[in-house]
Amino acid sequence: MMPARESLLDAAFAALARRPWAAVRMVDVASAAGVSRQTLYNEFGSKEGLARALVRREADAYLAGVERALRAPGDGRERLVAVAEWTVSAARGNAVARALLTGCWSASLPSLDLAAVASSSAVPAQRRADAALPSPGELVAAVRDRAATAVGAGNGGEAAPVCESAVRLALSCVVAPPGEGAGGGTVGELVRGALHRQDADREVLSPPPDRF
């Protein structure tokens, strides 16, 4: 059985897909999750606490997807392509993830200060949600560092700028999706081309595992 906290976050996310956050009622979230309103308040403390927990969960889910992409088969370039494709896919299918990555929070989303807030919650997960939430720049840095470690093979310092370029190119495709009118090409093709040009004169990404 799914824990009450996850059920409530799922219910809140589903409600946000149907109406602006300002119109989402705590009683409706509790009812959709099949728990009491008191259980909801025990977990999150307030509607703002619920919103912070939801945003934290979506940030964690995005970074978990990055980790999966970095375990994809192929050489360093293909794993960076997988990260870029995941970034665009996550932003396209999830309004909260898109806002986290771009910093553009529409009026239909929770209005949150990303800075930490005072927390008196006894729930560890809520205390984490009440801590500072990641800015777009912090997410880029987190992805860059994870990618440089995963694909650098001892050249993490040299690989970091290449990894950051791939992430930032992916974000440009989130804001302005590539298409025939923009010169054609998918995000994967654009990142492959950019990495090929950037790394034409020196090898900074690790070879495929079967070459070791």
N, C-alpha and C. Protein backbone atom coordinates (compact mmCIF):
# COMPACT_ATOMS: atom_id res chain seq x y z
N MET A 1 0.86 -1.20 0.00
CA MET A 1 0.00 0.00 0.00
C MET A 1 0.89 1.24 0.00
N MET A 2 0.58 2.21 -0.83
CA MET A 2 1.37 3.43 -0.93
C MET A 2 1.24 4.24 0.35
N PRO A 3 2.39 4.75 0.88
CA PRO A 3 2.31 5.60 2.07
C PRO A 3 1.41 6.80 1.84
N ALA A 4 0.81 7.29 2.93
CA ALA A 4 -0.13 8.41 2.82
C ALA A 4 0.54 9.63 2.19
N ARG A 5 1.79 9.90 2.53
CA ARG A 5 2.46 11.08 2.00
C ARG A 5 2.54 11.03 0.47
N GLU A 6 2.93 9.88 -0.08
CA GLU A 6 3.02 9.76 -1.53
C GLU A 6 1.65 9.84 -2.18
N SER A 7 0.66 9.23 -1.55
CA SER A 7 -0.71 9.31 -2.09
C SER A 7 -1.19 10.75 -2.13
N LEU A 8 -0.88 11.51 -1.10
CA LEU A 8 -1.30 12.91 -1.05
C LEU A 8 -0.56 13.75 -2.10
N LEU A 9 0.73 13.48 -2.28
CA LEU A 9 1.47 14.21 -3.31
C LEU A 9 0.96 13.86 -4.70
N ASP A 10 0.63 12.60 -4.93
CA ASP A 10 0.05 12.21 -6.21
C ASP A 10 -1.29 12.92 -6.43
N ALA A 11 -2.09 12.98 -5.39
CA ALA A 11 -3.40 13.64 -5.51
C ALA A 11 -3.22 15.13 -5.77
N ALA A 12 -2.25 15.76 -5.12
CA ALA A 12 -2.01 17.18 -5.33
C ALA A 12 -1.51 17.43 -6.75
N PHE A 13 -0.64 16.58 -7.24
CA PHE A 13 -0.12 16.74 -8.61
C PHE A 13 -1.25 16.57 -9.62
N ALA A 14 -2.12 15.59 -9.40
CA ALA A 14 -3.25 15.38 -10.30
C ALA A 14 -4.21 16.57 -10.27
N ALA A 15 -4.43 17.12 -9.08
CA ALA A 15 -5.32 18.29 -8.97
C ALA A 15 -4.73 19.49 -9.70
N LEU A 16 -3.40 19.65 -9.60
CA LEU A 16 -2.74 20.77 -10.26
C LEU A 16 -2.84 20.67 -11.78
N ALA A 17 -2.94 19.45 -12.29
CA ALA A 17 -3.08 19.28 -13.74
C ALA A 17 -4.47 19.70 -14.23
N ARG A 18 -5.42 19.79 -13.30
CA ARG A 18 -6.80 20.11 -13.69
C ARG A 18 -7.18 21.56 -13.41
N ARG A 19 -6.52 22.19 -12.45
CA ARG A 19 -6.91 23.55 -12.07
C ARG A 19 -5.70 24.29 -11.51
N PRO A 20 -5.78 25.62 -11.46
CA PRO A 20 -4.68 26.39 -10.87
C PRO A 20 -4.48 26.01 -9.41
N TRP A 21 -3.24 26.15 -8.94
CA TRP A 21 -2.95 25.78 -7.56
C TRP A 21 -3.82 26.57 -6.57
N ALA A 22 -4.09 27.82 -6.88
CA ALA A 22 -4.90 28.63 -5.98
C ALA A 22 -6.30 28.04 -5.78
N ALA A 23 -6.76 27.26 -6.75
CA ALA A 23 -8.10 26.67 -6.66
C ALA A 23 -8.08 25.26 -6.11
N VAL A 24 -6.90 24.72 -5.84
CA VAL A 24 -6.80 23.37 -5.27
C VAL A 24 -7.10 23.46 -3.78
N ARG A 25 -8.06 22.64 -3.32
CA ARG A 25 -8.45 22.67 -1.91
C ARG A 25 -7.85 21.49 -1.17
N MET A 26 -7.39 21.75 0.03
CA MET A 26 -6.76 20.69 0.84
C MET A 26 -7.75 19.55 1.09
N VAL A 27 -9.01 19.87 1.32
CA VAL A 27 -10.00 18.83 1.60
C VAL A 27 -10.16 17.91 0.39
N ASP A 28 -10.07 18.48 -0.81
CA ASP A 28 -10.20 17.66 -2.01
C ASP A 28 -8.96 16.77 -2.21
N VAL A 29 -7.79 17.29 -1.89
CA VAL A 29 -6.57 16.49 -2.00
C VAL A 29 -6.64 15.31 -1.04
N ALA A 30 -7.06 15.57 0.20
CA ALA A 30 -7.17 14.50 1.18
C ALA A 30 -8.18 13.45 0.74
N SER A 31 -9.32 13.92 0.23
CA SER A 31 -10.36 12.99 -0.22
C SER A 31 -9.87 12.13 -1.37
N ALA A 32 -9.18 12.73 -2.33
CA ALA A 32 -8.67 11.98 -3.49
C ALA A 32 -7.64 10.95 -3.06
N ALA A 33 -6.88 11.25 -2.00
CA ALA A 33 -5.86 10.32 -1.51
C ALA A 33 -6.45 9.26 -0.59
N GLY A 34 -7.69 9.44 -0.20
CA GLY A 34 -8.34 8.46 0.67
C GLY A 34 -7.90 8.55 2.12
N VAL A 35 -7.51 9.76 2.55
CA VAL A 35 -7.11 9.95 3.95
C VAL A 35 -7.86 11.16 4.51
N SER A 36 -7.74 11.35 5.81
CA SER A 36 -8.41 12.48 6.44
C SER A 36 -7.64 13.78 6.19
N ARG A 37 -8.35 14.89 6.31
CA ARG A 37 -7.69 16.18 6.17
C ARG A 37 -6.64 16.37 7.27
N GLN A 38 -6.92 15.81 8.46
CA GLN A 38 -5.95 15.92 9.55
C GLN A 38 -4.65 15.22 9.20
N THR A 39 -4.74 14.08 8.52
CA THR A 39 -3.54 13.37 8.08
C THR A 39 -2.73 14.24 7.14
N LEU A 40 -3.41 14.94 6.24
CA LEU A 40 -2.73 15.83 5.31
C LEU A 40 -1.98 16.92 6.07
N TYR A 41 -2.65 17.54 7.04
CA TYR A 41 -2.00 18.61 7.81
C TYR A 41 -0.88 18.07 8.69
N ASN A 42 -1.04 16.85 9.19
CA ASN A 42 0.03 16.24 9.98
C ASN A 42 1.29 16.05 9.13
N GLU A 43 1.11 15.72 7.86
CA GLU A 43 2.25 15.48 6.97
C GLU A 43 2.91 16.77 6.50
N PHE A 44 2.10 17.76 6.13
CA PHE A 44 2.63 18.94 5.43
C PHE A 44 2.50 20.25 6.19
N GLY A 45 1.65 20.28 7.19
CA GLY A 45 1.50 21.47 8.01
C GLY A 45 0.57 22.51 7.43
N SER A 46 0.63 22.73 6.14
CA SER A 46 -0.16 23.78 5.50
C SER A 46 -0.18 23.52 3.99
N LYS A 47 -0.96 24.33 3.29
CA LYS A 47 -0.98 24.22 1.83
C LYS A 47 0.38 24.59 1.24
N GLU A 48 1.04 25.60 1.83
CA GLU A 48 2.38 25.95 1.36
C GLU A 48 3.36 24.79 1.59
N GLY A 49 3.22 24.12 2.73
CA GLY A 49 4.07 22.96 2.98
C GLY A 49 3.85 21.86 1.96
N LEU A 50 2.59 21.65 1.59
CA LEU A 50 2.28 20.67 0.56
C LEU A 50 2.91 21.08 -0.77
N ALA A 51 2.82 22.36 -1.10
CA ALA A 51 3.40 22.84 -2.36
C ALA A 51 4.91 22.65 -2.37
N ARG A 52 5.58 22.97 -1.26
CA ARG A 52 7.03 22.80 -1.18
C ARG A 52 7.41 21.33 -1.33
N ALA A 53 6.65 20.45 -0.69
CA ALA A 53 6.93 19.02 -0.79
C ALA A 53 6.74 18.52 -2.21
N LEU A 54 5.72 19.05 -2.89
CA LEU A 54 5.48 18.65 -4.27
C LEU A 54 6.63 19.10 -5.18
N VAL A 55 7.07 20.33 -4.99
CA VAL A 55 8.18 20.85 -5.81
C VAL A 55 9.46 20.06 -5.52
N ARG A 56 9.72 19.78 -4.24
CA ARG A 56 10.91 18.99 -3.90
C ARG A 56 10.85 17.62 -4.54
N ARG A 57 9.67 16.99 -4.51
CA ARG A 57 9.56 15.66 -5.11
C ARG A 57 9.84 15.70 -6.61
N GLU A 58 9.33 16.72 -7.30
CA GLU A 58 9.55 16.78 -8.74
C GLU A 58 11.01 17.09 -9.07
N ALA A 59 11.68 17.89 -8.24
CA ALA A 59 13.12 18.13 -8.45
C ALA A 59 13.90 16.82 -8.27
N ASP A 60 13.56 16.07 -7.23
CA ASP A 60 14.23 14.79 -6.99
C ASP A 60 13.96 13.81 -8.14
N ALA A 61 12.73 13.80 -8.64
CA ALA A 61 12.39 12.89 -9.74
C ALA A 61 13.16 13.24 -11.00
N TYR A 62 13.33 14.55 -11.25
CA TYR A 62 14.11 14.95 -12.42
C TYR A 62 15.55 14.48 -12.28
N LEU A 63 16.17 14.68 -11.14
CA LEU A 63 17.56 14.27 -10.95
C LEU A 63 17.71 12.75 -10.97
N ALA A 64 16.70 12.03 -10.48
CA ALA A 64 16.73 10.57 -10.58
C ALA A 64 16.72 10.13 -12.04
N GLY A 65 15.96 10.85 -12.87
CA GLY A 65 15.96 10.55 -14.30
C GLY A 65 17.30 10.83 -14.94
N VAL A 66 17.97 11.88 -14.48
CA VAL A 66 19.33 12.17 -14.97
C VAL A 66 20.26 11.00 -14.65
N GLU A 67 20.17 10.50 -13.42
CA GLU A 67 21.01 9.36 -13.02
C GLU A 67 20.74 8.15 -13.90
N ARG A 68 19.48 7.89 -14.21
CA ARG A 68 19.15 6.77 -15.09
C ARG A 68 19.76 6.98 -16.48
N ALA A 69 19.66 8.20 -16.99
CA ALA A 69 20.20 8.50 -18.31
C ALA A 69 21.71 8.30 -18.34
N LEU A 70 22.37 8.62 -17.25
CA LEU A 70 23.83 8.49 -17.19
C LEU A 70 24.27 7.04 -17.07
N ARG A 71 23.33 6.15 -16.79
CA ARG A 71 23.65 4.71 -16.78
C ARG A 71 23.28 4.05 -18.10
N ALA A 72 22.85 4.83 -19.08
CA ALA A 72 22.46 4.27 -20.38
C ALA A 72 23.69 3.69 -21.08
N PRO A 73 23.49 2.70 -21.94
CA PRO A 73 24.63 2.14 -22.66
C PRO A 73 25.21 3.14 -23.66
N GLY A 74 26.45 2.91 -24.03
CA GLY A 74 27.09 3.78 -25.02
C GLY A 74 28.19 4.61 -24.41
N ASP A 75 28.82 5.42 -25.23
CA ASP A 75 29.93 6.23 -24.74
C ASP A 75 29.42 7.49 -24.05
N GLY A 76 30.37 8.33 -23.61
CA GLY A 76 29.99 9.52 -22.86
C GLY A 76 29.07 10.43 -23.62
N ARG A 77 29.29 10.58 -24.92
CA ARG A 77 28.44 11.46 -25.71
C ARG A 77 27.00 10.97 -25.72
N GLU A 78 26.82 9.67 -25.90
CA GLU A 78 25.46 9.15 -25.97
C GLU A 78 24.75 9.26 -24.62
N ARG A 79 25.49 9.15 -23.55
CA ARG A 79 24.86 9.33 -22.24
C ARG A 79 24.49 10.80 -22.01
N LEU A 80 25.30 11.71 -22.50
CA LEU A 80 24.92 13.12 -22.40
C LEU A 80 23.71 13.42 -23.29
N VAL A 81 23.65 12.78 -24.43
CA VAL A 81 22.45 12.91 -25.28
C VAL A 81 21.23 12.40 -24.52
N ALA A 82 21.38 11.27 -23.82
CA ALA A 82 20.26 10.73 -23.05
C ALA A 82 19.82 11.70 -21.96
N VAL A 83 20.77 12.37 -21.31
CA VAL A 83 20.44 13.37 -20.30
C VAL A 83 19.66 14.53 -20.93
N ALA A 84 20.14 14.98 -22.10
CA ALA A 84 19.47 16.10 -22.77
C ALA A 84 18.05 15.72 -23.18
N GLU A 85 17.89 14.52 -23.71
CA GLU A 85 16.56 14.07 -24.13
C GLU A 85 15.63 13.93 -22.92
N TRP A 86 16.16 13.43 -21.81
CA TRP A 86 15.35 13.31 -20.60
C TRP A 86 14.94 14.70 -20.10
N THR A 87 15.86 15.65 -20.14
CA THR A 87 15.56 17.00 -19.67
C THR A 87 14.41 17.61 -20.46
N VAL A 88 14.46 17.49 -21.77
CA VAL A 88 13.38 18.03 -22.60
C VAL A 88 12.08 17.29 -22.35
N SER A 89 12.15 15.97 -22.25
CA SER A 89 10.95 15.17 -22.01
C SER A 89 10.32 15.51 -20.66
N ALA A 90 11.15 15.62 -19.62
CA ALA A 90 10.63 15.93 -18.29
C ALA A 90 9.95 17.28 -18.27
N ALA A 91 10.56 18.28 -18.91
CA ALA A 91 9.98 19.61 -18.93
C ALA A 91 8.70 19.66 -19.76
N ARG A 92 8.66 18.88 -20.81
CA ARG A 92 7.49 18.88 -21.69
C ARG A 92 6.29 18.25 -21.00
N GLY A 93 6.53 17.24 -20.17
CA GLY A 93 5.42 16.50 -19.58
C GLY A 93 5.07 16.89 -18.16
N ASN A 94 5.77 17.88 -17.59
CA ASN A 94 5.59 18.18 -16.18
C ASN A 94 5.78 19.68 -15.97
N ALA A 95 4.70 20.38 -15.68
CA ALA A 95 4.77 21.83 -15.55
C ALA A 95 5.66 22.26 -14.39
N VAL A 96 5.69 21.48 -13.31
CA VAL A 96 6.53 21.83 -12.17
C VAL A 96 8.00 21.66 -12.53
N ALA A 97 8.33 20.56 -13.20
CA ALA A 97 9.71 20.35 -13.63
C ALA A 97 10.16 21.45 -14.59
N ARG A 98 9.28 21.83 -15.49
CA ARG A 98 9.62 22.90 -16.43
C ARG A 98 9.92 24.20 -15.69
N ALA A 99 9.09 24.53 -14.70
CA ALA A 99 9.31 25.75 -13.93
C ALA A 99 10.62 25.69 -13.15
N LEU A 100 10.93 24.54 -12.57
CA LEU A 100 12.18 24.39 -11.85
C LEU A 100 13.39 24.59 -12.76
N LEU A 101 13.28 24.07 -13.98
CA LEU A 101 14.41 24.13 -14.91
C LEU A 101 14.56 25.50 -15.55
N THR A 102 13.49 26.21 -15.74
CA THR A 102 13.54 27.48 -16.46
C THR A 102 13.41 28.70 -15.54
N GLY A 103 12.88 28.50 -14.35
CA GLY A 103 12.61 29.62 -13.47
C GLY A 103 11.36 30.40 -13.82
N CYS A 104 10.57 29.91 -14.76
CA CYS A 104 9.35 30.57 -15.20
C CYS A 104 8.14 29.89 -14.54
N TRP A 105 7.62 30.51 -13.50
CA TRP A 105 6.51 29.94 -12.75
C TRP A 105 5.22 30.65 -13.18
N SER A 106 4.34 29.92 -13.83
CA SER A 106 3.10 30.53 -14.29
C SER A 106 2.16 30.76 -13.11
N ALA A 107 1.14 31.55 -13.36
CA ALA A 107 0.18 31.88 -12.31
C ALA A 107 -0.60 30.65 -11.85
N SER A 108 -0.64 29.60 -12.65
CA SER A 108 -1.38 28.40 -12.26
C SER A 108 -0.60 27.51 -11.30
N LEU A 109 0.70 27.77 -11.15
CA LEU A 109 1.55 26.95 -10.27
C LEU A 109 1.63 27.58 -8.89
N PRO A 110 2.10 26.80 -7.90
CA PRO A 110 2.30 27.39 -6.57
C PRO A 110 3.25 28.58 -6.63
N SER A 111 2.95 29.61 -5.85
CA SER A 111 3.83 30.78 -5.75
C SER A 111 4.73 30.58 -4.55
N LEU A 112 5.97 30.18 -4.80
CA LEU A 112 6.88 29.80 -3.72
C LEU A 112 8.16 30.61 -3.77
N ASP A 113 8.68 30.90 -2.59
CA ASP A 113 10.04 31.41 -2.46
C ASP A 113 10.92 30.17 -2.36
N LEU A 114 11.94 30.07 -3.22
CA LEU A 114 12.80 28.89 -3.19
C LEU A 114 13.72 28.86 -1.97
N ALA A 115 13.84 29.99 -1.27
CA ALA A 115 14.67 30.02 -0.07
C ALA A 115 14.06 29.13 1.02
N ALA A 116 14.90 28.72 1.96
CA ALA A 116 14.42 27.89 3.07
C ALA A 116 13.42 28.67 3.92
N VAL A 117 12.50 27.93 4.51
CA VAL A 117 11.54 28.52 5.44
C VAL A 117 11.71 27.84 6.80
N ALA A 118 11.32 28.55 7.85
CA ALA A 118 11.39 27.98 9.18
C ALA A 118 10.49 26.75 9.25
N SER A 119 11.01 25.66 9.79
CA SER A 119 10.25 24.42 9.84
C SER A 119 10.20 23.89 11.26
N SER A 120 8.99 23.57 11.71
CA SER A 120 8.82 22.93 13.01
C SER A 120 8.24 21.53 12.85
N SER A 121 8.27 21.03 11.60
CA SER A 121 7.67 19.73 11.31
C SER A 121 8.45 18.60 11.98
N ALA A 122 7.70 17.61 12.45
CA ALA A 122 8.31 16.41 13.00
C ALA A 122 8.56 15.37 11.92
N VAL A 123 8.15 15.68 10.68
CA VAL A 123 8.30 14.74 9.57
C VAL A 123 9.61 15.05 8.83
N PRO A 124 10.58 14.13 8.82
CA PRO A 124 11.87 14.42 8.17
C PRO A 124 11.73 14.86 6.72
N ALA A 125 10.85 14.21 5.96
CA ALA A 125 10.68 14.57 4.56
C ALA A 125 10.17 16.00 4.42
N GLN A 126 9.35 16.44 5.37
CA GLN A 126 8.84 17.81 5.28
C GLN A 126 9.91 18.82 5.67
N ARG A 127 10.74 18.47 6.63
CA ARG A 127 11.84 19.37 6.98
C ARG A 127 12.77 19.55 5.78
N ARG A 128 12.96 18.49 5.01
CA ARG A 128 13.79 18.61 3.79
C ARG A 128 13.09 19.51 2.77
N ALA A 129 11.78 19.37 2.63
CA ALA A 129 11.03 20.22 1.69
C ALA A 129 11.06 21.67 2.13
N ASP A 130 11.12 21.91 3.42
CA ASP A 130 11.14 23.28 3.93
C ASP A 130 12.52 23.92 3.80
N ALA A 131 13.54 23.12 3.52
CA ALA A 131 14.86 23.67 3.24
C ALA A 131 14.84 24.33 1.86
N ALA A 132 15.95 24.94 1.48
CA ALA A 132 16.00 25.64 0.19
C ALA A 132 15.69 24.70 -0.96
N LEU A 133 14.87 25.17 -1.89
CA LEU A 133 14.55 24.42 -3.10
C LEU A 133 15.52 24.85 -4.20
N PRO A 134 15.82 23.96 -5.17
CA PRO A 134 16.85 24.28 -6.15
C PRO A 134 16.41 25.31 -7.18
N SER A 135 17.31 26.23 -7.47
CA SER A 135 17.11 27.18 -8.57
C SER A 135 17.52 26.52 -9.87
N PRO A 136 17.17 27.10 -11.02
CA PRO A 136 17.62 26.52 -12.29
C PRO A 136 19.15 26.38 -12.36
N GLY A 137 19.88 27.38 -11.89
CA GLY A 137 21.33 27.30 -11.93
C GLY A 137 21.86 26.17 -11.07
N GLU A 138 21.23 25.95 -9.93
CA GLU A 138 21.66 24.85 -9.05
C GLU A 138 21.36 23.49 -9.67
N LEU A 139 20.24 23.39 -10.37
CA LEU A 139 19.94 22.14 -11.07
C LEU A 139 20.95 21.88 -12.18
N VAL A 140 21.28 22.92 -12.94
CA VAL A 140 22.29 22.77 -14.00
C VAL A 140 23.60 22.29 -13.39
N ALA A 141 24.02 22.90 -12.29
CA ALA A 141 25.27 22.51 -11.66
C ALA A 141 25.22 21.07 -11.16
N ALA A 142 24.08 20.67 -10.60
CA ALA A 142 23.95 19.29 -10.11
C ALA A 142 24.06 18.29 -11.25
N VAL A 143 23.39 18.59 -12.37
CA VAL A 143 23.45 17.69 -13.53
C VAL A 143 24.86 17.68 -14.11
N ARG A 144 25.47 18.85 -14.23
CA ARG A 144 26.84 18.94 -14.75
C ARG A 144 27.79 18.09 -13.93
N ASP A 145 27.73 18.21 -12.62
CA ASP A 145 28.66 17.48 -11.76
C ASP A 145 28.42 15.98 -11.82
N ARG A 146 27.15 15.56 -11.83
CA ARG A 146 26.86 14.14 -11.95
C ARG A 146 27.36 13.59 -13.28
N ALA A 147 27.12 14.36 -14.35
CA ALA A 147 27.52 13.91 -15.67
C ALA A 147 29.03 13.85 -15.81
N ALA A 148 29.73 14.85 -15.28
CA ALA A 148 31.18 14.87 -15.39
C ALA A 148 31.78 13.68 -14.66
N THR A 149 31.21 13.32 -13.52
CA THR A 149 31.69 12.15 -12.78
C THR A 149 31.41 10.87 -13.55
N ALA A 150 30.24 10.80 -14.16
CA ALA A 150 29.83 9.56 -14.84
C ALA A 150 30.57 9.34 -16.15
N VAL A 151 30.87 10.40 -16.89
CA VAL A 151 31.43 10.22 -18.23
C VAL A 151 32.87 10.70 -18.36
N GLY A 152 33.41 11.31 -17.30
CA GLY A 152 34.74 11.90 -17.40
C GLY A 152 35.87 10.91 -17.38
N ALA A 153 35.72 9.75 -16.71
CA ALA A 153 36.76 8.72 -16.64
C ALA A 153 38.11 9.31 -16.27
N GLY A 154 38.15 10.06 -15.15
CA GLY A 154 39.41 10.65 -14.72
C GLY A 154 39.64 12.04 -15.26
N ASN A 155 38.83 12.47 -16.21
CA ASN A 155 38.96 13.82 -16.78
C ASN A 155 37.77 14.69 -16.38
N GLY A 156 37.26 14.46 -15.14
CA GLY A 156 36.05 15.17 -14.72
C GLY A 156 36.16 16.67 -14.86
N GLY A 157 37.37 17.25 -14.51
CA GLY A 157 37.53 18.69 -14.62
C GLY A 157 37.41 19.17 -16.04
N GLU A 158 37.97 18.42 -16.99
CA GLU A 158 37.88 18.80 -18.39
C GLU A 158 36.50 18.50 -18.96
N ALA A 159 35.87 17.45 -18.44
CA ALA A 159 34.56 17.08 -18.96
C ALA A 159 33.45 18.00 -18.48
N ALA A 160 33.63 18.66 -17.32
CA ALA A 160 32.55 19.46 -16.75
C ALA A 160 32.02 20.53 -17.69
N PRO A 161 32.88 21.32 -18.37
CA PRO A 161 32.33 22.33 -19.28
C PRO A 161 31.55 21.72 -20.45
N VAL A 162 32.02 20.56 -20.93
CA VAL A 162 31.31 19.88 -22.02
C VAL A 162 29.93 19.45 -21.54
N CYS A 163 29.89 18.87 -20.31
CA CYS A 163 28.62 18.42 -19.76
C CYS A 163 27.67 19.59 -19.54
N GLU A 164 28.19 20.70 -19.04
CA GLU A 164 27.33 21.86 -18.81
C GLU A 164 26.78 22.39 -20.13
N SER A 165 27.60 22.38 -21.16
CA SER A 165 27.12 22.86 -22.47
C SER A 165 25.96 22.01 -22.96
N ALA A 166 26.07 20.68 -22.77
CA ALA A 166 25.00 19.79 -23.21
C ALA A 166 23.71 20.07 -22.46
N VAL A 167 23.82 20.29 -21.14
CA VAL A 167 22.63 20.57 -20.33
C VAL A 167 21.99 21.89 -20.75
N ARG A 168 22.82 22.90 -20.95
CA ARG A 168 22.28 24.21 -21.32
C ARG A 168 21.67 24.20 -22.72
N LEU A 169 22.23 23.41 -23.61
CA LEU A 169 21.62 23.27 -24.93
C LEU A 169 20.26 22.60 -24.81
N ALA A 170 20.17 21.60 -23.94
CA ALA A 170 18.87 20.96 -23.71
C ALA A 170 17.86 21.97 -23.19
N LEU A 171 18.28 22.82 -22.26
CA LEU A 171 17.36 23.83 -21.71
C LEU A 171 16.93 24.82 -22.77
N SER A 172 17.81 25.13 -23.70
CA SER A 172 17.40 26.03 -24.79
C SER A 172 16.31 25.38 -25.63
N CYS A 173 16.36 24.06 -25.75
CA CYS A 173 15.33 23.33 -26.50
C CYS A 173 14.03 23.25 -25.71
N VAL A 174 14.11 23.35 -24.38
CA VAL A 174 12.90 23.42 -23.57
C VAL A 174 12.18 24.74 -23.83
N VAL A 175 12.95 25.83 -23.85
CA VAL A 175 12.37 27.16 -24.03
C VAL A 175 11.93 27.39 -25.46
N ALA A 176 12.75 26.94 -26.42
CA ALA A 176 12.44 27.11 -27.84
C ALA A 176 12.64 25.76 -28.52
N PRO A 177 11.60 24.91 -28.55
CA PRO A 177 11.75 23.56 -29.10
C PRO A 177 12.25 23.58 -30.53
N PRO A 178 13.20 22.69 -30.85
CA PRO A 178 13.70 22.62 -32.22
C PRO A 178 12.63 22.06 -33.15
N GLY A 179 12.70 22.43 -34.40
CA GLY A 179 11.74 21.93 -35.37
C GLY A 179 12.16 22.34 -36.75
N GLU A 180 11.36 21.98 -37.71
CA GLU A 180 11.70 22.27 -39.10
C GLU A 180 11.89 23.76 -39.33
N GLY A 181 11.06 24.58 -38.68
CA GLY A 181 11.16 26.01 -38.86
C GLY A 181 12.41 26.62 -38.25
N ALA A 182 13.05 25.86 -37.33
CA ALA A 182 14.24 26.37 -36.66
C ALA A 182 15.49 25.70 -37.18
N GLY A 183 15.42 25.10 -38.33
CA GLY A 183 16.60 24.45 -38.89
C GLY A 183 16.57 22.95 -38.78
N GLY A 184 15.51 22.41 -38.15
CA GLY A 184 15.36 20.98 -38.08
C GLY A 184 16.23 20.36 -37.01
N GLY A 185 16.04 19.06 -36.84
CA GLY A 185 16.84 18.32 -35.90
C GLY A 185 16.15 18.16 -34.55
N THR A 186 16.37 17.00 -33.93
CA THR A 186 15.86 16.75 -32.58
C THR A 186 16.89 17.25 -31.58
N VAL A 187 16.50 17.27 -30.31
CA VAL A 187 17.46 17.68 -29.29
C VAL A 187 18.67 16.75 -29.29
N GLY A 188 18.42 15.45 -29.52
CA GLY A 188 19.53 14.50 -29.55
C GLY A 188 20.51 14.83 -30.68
N GLU A 189 19.98 15.15 -31.84
CA GLU A 189 20.84 15.49 -32.98
C GLU A 189 21.61 16.78 -32.73
N LEU A 190 20.94 17.74 -32.12
CA LEU A 190 21.61 19.01 -31.82
C LEU A 190 22.74 18.82 -30.82
N VAL A 191 22.50 18.03 -29.78
CA VAL A 191 23.53 17.80 -28.77
C VAL A 191 24.69 16.98 -29.34
N ARG A 192 24.36 15.96 -30.14
CA ARG A 192 25.45 15.18 -30.76
C ARG A 192 26.33 16.08 -31.62
N GLY A 193 25.71 16.93 -32.42
CA GLY A 193 26.48 17.82 -33.29
C GLY A 193 27.34 18.78 -32.49
N ALA A 194 26.77 19.33 -31.43
CA ALA A 194 27.53 20.28 -30.61
C ALA A 194 28.69 19.60 -29.91
N LEU A 195 28.46 18.39 -29.40
CA LEU A 195 29.54 17.68 -28.72
C LEU A 195 30.64 17.29 -29.70
N HIS A 196 30.24 16.91 -30.89
CA HIS A 196 31.25 16.54 -31.90
C HIS A 196 32.13 17.75 -32.23
N ARG A 197 31.50 18.90 -32.39
CA ARG A 197 32.29 20.09 -32.71
C ARG A 197 33.16 20.52 -31.53
N GLN A 198 32.59 20.46 -30.33
CA GLN A 198 33.30 20.94 -29.16
C GLN A 198 34.49 20.05 -28.80
N ASP A 199 34.36 18.77 -29.11
CA ASP A 199 35.38 17.81 -28.70
C ASP A 199 36.17 17.28 -29.90
N ALA A 200 36.18 18.03 -30.99
CA ALA A 200 36.83 17.55 -32.20
C ALA A 200 38.33 17.37 -32.03
N ASP A 201 38.95 18.22 -31.23
CA ASP A 201 40.41 18.21 -31.12
C ASP A 201 40.95 17.45 -29.92
N ARG A 202 40.07 17.10 -28.96
CA ARG A 202 40.59 16.37 -27.81
C ARG A 202 39.51 15.50 -27.22
N GLU A 203 39.91 14.37 -26.65
CA GLU A 203 38.99 13.40 -26.09
C GLU A 203 38.86 13.67 -24.60
N VAL A 204 37.68 14.13 -24.15
CA VAL A 204 37.50 14.36 -22.73
C VAL A 204 36.40 13.47 -22.15
N LEU A 205 35.66 12.77 -22.99
CA LEU A 205 34.63 11.89 -22.51
C LEU A 205 35.11 10.45 -22.60
N SER A 206 34.68 9.66 -21.64
CA SER A 206 35.19 8.30 -21.56
C SER A 206 34.71 7.46 -22.74
N PRO A 207 35.48 6.42 -23.14
CA PRO A 207 35.04 5.51 -24.20
C PRO A 207 33.98 4.57 -23.65
N PRO A 208 33.33 3.83 -24.53
CA PRO A 208 32.34 2.87 -24.06
C PRO A 208 32.97 1.88 -23.10
N PRO A 209 32.18 1.33 -22.15
CA PRO A 209 32.74 0.40 -21.17
C PRO A 209 33.48 -0.78 -21.78
N ASP A 210 33.05 -1.26 -22.96
CA ASP A 210 33.68 -2.45 -23.53
C ASP A 210 35.06 -2.16 -24.11
N ARG A 211 35.50 -0.88 -24.04
CA ARG A 211 36.84 -0.58 -24.52
C ARG A 211 37.87 -0.63 -23.40
N PHE A 212 37.41 -0.79 -22.16
CA PHE A 212 38.34 -0.87 -21.05
C PHE A 212 38.90 -2.28 -20.95
